[in-house]
Protein backbone atom coordinates (compact mmCIF):
# COMPACT_ATOMS: atom_id res chain seq x y z
CA MET A 1 11.00 -37.69 34.84
CA HIS A 2 11.73 -41.41 34.14
CA PRO A 3 9.22 -43.26 31.52
CA VAL A 4 7.20 -46.43 32.75
CA PRO A 5 8.31 -49.48 31.30
CA ARG A 6 5.09 -51.02 30.03
CA LEU A 7 4.69 -54.06 32.16
CA VAL A 8 5.21 -52.17 35.16
CA ARG A 9 1.79 -50.80 35.89
CA PRO A 10 -0.32 -54.06 35.43
CA LEU A 11 2.07 -55.89 37.34
CA THR A 12 2.25 -53.52 39.92
CA LEU A 13 -1.87 -53.23 40.04
CA ALA A 14 -1.96 -57.19 40.42
CA LEU A 15 0.60 -57.39 43.01
CA SER A 16 -1.06 -54.56 45.14
CA ALA A 17 -4.43 -56.24 44.85
CA ALA A 18 -3.10 -59.60 46.05
CA LEU A 19 -1.14 -57.79 48.99
CA LEU A 20 -4.27 -55.91 49.52
CA LEU A 21 -6.35 -59.09 49.91
CA SER A 22 -3.68 -60.85 51.91
CA ALA A 23 -3.50 -57.98 54.56
CA VAL A 24 -7.28 -57.00 54.94
CA VAL A 25 -7.85 -61.31 55.67
CA SER A 26 -4.61 -61.41 57.79
CA ALA A 27 -6.05 -58.42 60.05
CA SER A 28 -9.20 -59.75 59.99
CA LEU A 29 -8.50 -63.11 61.18
CA ALA A 30 -6.36 -61.34 63.99
CA LEU A 31 -9.38 -59.17 65.08
CA LEU A 32 -11.31 -62.02 65.08
CA GLY A 33 -8.89 -64.69 66.79
CA PRO A 34 -11.31 -64.58 70.11
CA VAL A 35 -14.16 -65.47 68.95
CA LEU A 36 -12.11 -68.21 65.91
CA SER A 37 -10.69 -70.01 69.11
CA THR A 38 -11.20 -69.45 72.65
CA PRO A 39 -7.59 -69.13 74.09
CA ALA A 40 -6.96 -66.61 71.64
CA GLN A 41 -6.46 -62.50 71.91
CA VAL A 42 -6.80 -59.74 69.67
CA SER A 43 -2.86 -59.46 67.72
CA TRP A 44 -2.93 -55.62 68.13
CA VAL A 45 0.23 -55.55 66.62
CA LEU A 46 -0.80 -57.09 64.01
CA VAL A 47 -3.84 -55.51 63.08
CA GLY A 48 -1.83 -52.46 63.35
CA PHE A 49 1.04 -53.37 61.12
CA GLU A 50 -1.52 -55.10 58.55
CA ALA A 51 -3.06 -51.73 58.38
CA ILE A 52 -0.07 -50.00 56.86
CA VAL A 53 0.26 -52.56 54.25
CA ILE A 54 -3.24 -52.20 53.50
CA VAL A 55 -2.83 -48.49 52.80
CA ALA A 56 0.27 -49.46 51.04
CA ALA A 57 -1.58 -51.82 49.17
CA VAL A 58 -3.82 -48.86 48.12
CA PHE A 59 -0.82 -46.90 46.91
CA GLY A 60 0.14 -49.86 44.72
CA VAL A 61 -3.22 -49.98 43.22
CA LEU A 62 -3.49 -46.65 42.43
CA PHE A 63 -0.01 -46.61 40.42
CA GLY A 64 -1.44 -49.22 38.54
CA ARG A 65 -4.28 -47.53 37.65
CA GLY A 66 -1.48 -44.25 36.19
CA ARG A 67 -1.20 -42.18 39.12
CA PHE A 68 2.66 -41.44 40.41
CA GLU A 69 3.33 -40.54 37.05
CA GLU A 70 5.93 -37.98 37.85
CA SER A 71 8.19 -39.89 40.45
CA PRO A 72 6.81 -43.43 39.59
CA ALA A 73 10.12 -45.31 40.71
CA MET A 74 10.35 -43.30 44.42
CA ALA A 75 6.68 -44.27 44.64
CA LEU A 76 7.13 -47.91 43.97
CA ALA A 77 10.19 -48.16 46.15
CA CYS A 78 8.48 -46.46 48.77
CA ILE A 79 5.62 -48.85 48.65
CA ALA A 80 7.76 -51.67 48.67
CA GLY A 81 9.80 -50.55 51.69
CA THR A 82 6.76 -49.84 53.68
CA VAL A 83 5.28 -53.32 52.44
CA LEU A 84 8.29 -55.22 53.54
CA LEU A 85 9.11 -53.59 57.20
CA ALA A 86 5.58 -53.84 58.25
CA SER A 87 5.52 -57.10 57.04
CA ALA A 88 8.44 -57.90 59.11
CA LEU A 89 7.44 -56.15 62.27
CA GLY A 90 3.94 -57.46 62.09
CA TRP A 91 5.17 -61.36 61.66
CA GLN A 92 7.70 -60.66 64.80
CA GLY A 93 5.47 -58.52 67.08
CA ALA A 94 2.79 -61.39 66.62
CA ASN A 95 5.12 -63.99 67.37
CA ARG A 96 5.52 -65.12 64.06
CA ALA A 97 1.85 -67.02 64.10
CA LEU A 98 -1.52 -66.02 63.74
CA LEU A 99 -4.25 -69.02 65.12
CA GLY A 100 -1.73 -71.27 65.59
CA VAL A 101 -0.72 -71.07 61.93
CA SER A 102 3.04 -69.56 60.96
CA LEU A 103 2.96 -66.59 59.22
CA THR A 104 6.56 -66.91 57.82
CA PRO A 105 5.10 -68.43 54.43
CA LEU A 106 3.26 -65.09 54.50
CA LEU A 107 6.48 -62.93 55.21
CA ALA A 108 7.91 -64.95 52.26
CA GLY A 109 5.80 -63.96 50.09
CA ARG A 110 5.16 -60.34 51.06
CA ALA A 111 9.43 -60.32 51.07
CA LEU A 112 9.13 -61.67 47.24
CA ALA A 113 6.14 -59.31 46.04
CA ALA A 114 8.29 -56.59 47.51
CA GLY A 115 11.41 -57.51 45.86
CA VAL A 116 9.38 -57.23 42.66
CA LEU A 117 7.91 -53.68 43.00
CA GLY A 118 11.97 -52.73 44.03
CA ALA A 119 13.25 -54.37 41.07
CA ALA A 120 10.43 -52.74 38.71
CA ALA A 121 11.41 -49.11 40.93
CA ALA A 122 14.78 -49.88 39.28
CA ALA A 123 13.52 -50.43 35.97
CA CYS A 124 11.89 -47.04 36.02
CA ILE A 125 15.41 -45.57 36.50
CA LEU A 126 17.57 -48.07 34.56
CA GLY A 127 15.83 -48.03 31.56
CA PRO A 128 17.31 -48.97 28.27
CA HIS A 129 21.01 -48.79 29.65
CA PRO A 130 22.59 -52.01 29.61
CA ARG A 131 26.17 -51.41 31.07
CA ALA A 132 23.53 -50.18 34.45
CA TRP A 133 21.86 -52.94 34.34
CA ARG A 134 24.69 -55.08 34.40
CA ARG A 135 26.21 -53.12 37.34
CA ALA A 136 22.89 -53.24 39.33
CA LEU A 137 22.59 -57.01 38.68
CA LEU A 138 25.92 -57.93 39.62
CA GLY A 139 25.68 -55.89 43.23
CA ALA A 140 22.70 -57.36 43.68
CA ALA A 141 24.45 -60.79 43.38
CA MET A 142 27.21 -59.40 45.58
CA THR A 143 24.83 -58.40 48.45
CA ALA A 144 22.79 -61.78 48.15
CA PRO A 145 24.88 -63.54 51.07
CA ALA A 146 24.23 -60.78 53.24
CA LEU A 147 20.62 -60.93 52.77
CA LEU A 148 21.06 -64.77 53.19
CA VAL A 149 22.79 -64.39 56.48
CA GLY A 150 20.10 -61.95 57.63
CA ALA A 151 17.59 -64.25 56.91
CA ALA A 152 19.10 -67.19 58.39
CA VAL A 153 19.48 -65.57 62.05
CA VAL A 154 15.92 -64.50 62.31
CA THR A 155 14.74 -68.02 61.28
CA GLY A 156 15.18 -71.51 62.93
CA SER A 157 16.41 -73.52 60.62
CA GLY A 158 18.67 -71.03 59.41
CA ARG A 159 20.12 -70.50 63.31
CA ARG A 160 20.78 -74.49 63.40
CA VAL A 161 22.85 -74.26 60.24
CA ILE A 162 24.77 -71.04 61.28
CA ASP A 163 25.67 -72.96 64.83
CA ALA A 164 26.17 -76.12 63.13
CA LEU A 165 28.98 -74.10 60.90
CA LEU A 166 30.53 -72.53 63.87
CA GLY A 167 30.65 -75.58 65.88
CA GLN A 168 31.56 -76.10 69.66
CA SER A 169 35.18 -74.98 69.49
CA PRO A 170 35.87 -71.31 70.62
CA VAL A 171 38.66 -71.31 68.20
CA GLN A 172 36.08 -72.24 65.47
CA GLN A 173 33.92 -69.82 66.28
CA MET A 174 36.09 -66.97 66.35
CA ALA A 175 37.46 -68.15 62.94
CA VAL A 176 34.08 -68.78 61.33
CA THR A 177 32.59 -65.93 62.71
CA VAL A 178 36.00 -63.41 61.78
CA ALA A 179 36.08 -65.29 58.33
CA GLY A 180 32.10 -64.63 57.52
CA ALA A 181 32.09 -61.43 58.78
CA LEU A 182 35.24 -60.38 56.28
CA VAL A 183 33.39 -61.99 53.37
CA VAL A 184 30.02 -61.56 53.75
CA GLY A 185 31.07 -57.41 54.85
CA GLY A 186 33.10 -57.49 51.83
CA LEU A 187 30.82 -58.66 49.53
CA LEU A 188 28.13 -56.15 50.52
CA ALA A 189 30.19 -52.98 50.63
CA ALA A 190 31.28 -53.55 46.81
CA GLY A 191 27.84 -54.93 46.01
CA ALA A 192 26.52 -51.85 47.51
CA HIS A 193 28.70 -49.55 45.33
CA LEU A 194 28.05 -51.27 42.18
CA VAL A 195 24.36 -51.04 42.90
CA ILE A 196 24.82 -47.34 43.56
CA ARG A 197 27.12 -46.69 40.57
CA ALA A 198 24.51 -48.32 38.63
CA PHE A 199 21.55 -45.81 39.31
CA GLU A 200 24.27 -42.93 38.75
CA ASP A 201 24.50 -44.53 35.01
CA PRO A 202 21.28 -43.38 33.50
CA VAL A 203 21.54 -39.73 35.46
CA GLY A 204 24.87 -39.08 33.57
CA ALA A 205 24.14 -40.28 30.40
CA PRO A 206 23.00 -38.06 27.29
CA PRO A 207 18.70 -37.18 27.02
CA ALA A 208 17.38 -39.75 24.09
CA ASP A 209 16.36 -36.21 22.40
CA GLY A 210 20.00 -35.18 21.96
CA GLY A 211 19.39 -32.19 24.46
CA PRO A 212 21.85 -31.15 26.96
CA THR A 213 23.30 -33.59 29.41
CA SER A 214 22.78 -34.02 33.06
CA SER A 215 25.44 -31.87 35.03
CA ARG A 216 25.87 -34.94 37.05
CA ALA A 217 28.82 -37.02 36.07
CA ALA A 218 28.37 -41.12 36.07
């Protein structure tokens, strides 16, 4: 069992409460759409995925109040992943808008919150291991270009940037696509390897109390 850093639980409680409030408001507006706007219809897809966010946020609140002591990192990782995935699917299923207002800022805020919770989960495992932290941060930086490309693909402004880089010439499009895939793919593979090694380091480190070491090598 990995110890939970002092600030992780209050931070999780605050973020989860904000996520819970935003999901309740969003789901309520989706349900009341026909009442608030005549041409609008109930966005059942958004309601369903916001309900999932509500459940994940409730678990986050419970974590912030001291629950899930045996596997805090796994609990935080599950909460973060559920919030991010449900928010993205709800955003897409609602055609990226609710009552004529773009849901992209809400998705961006949810993604930021999920990232913070994911970092908190990492902190529970990496703990006081400087080498592991260095590897994790370097790996995260190397995977960032792939995440940026993914975000660009699903946004209008991002697709316009990609189209501008590709140009009109088939030769240029092929060259940019192949070069970009090699660079981004290579960085993603190397970054993922470093992140995995970072999380292996604390597993193989000697216990702080001087007891027997883990059977797994770092």
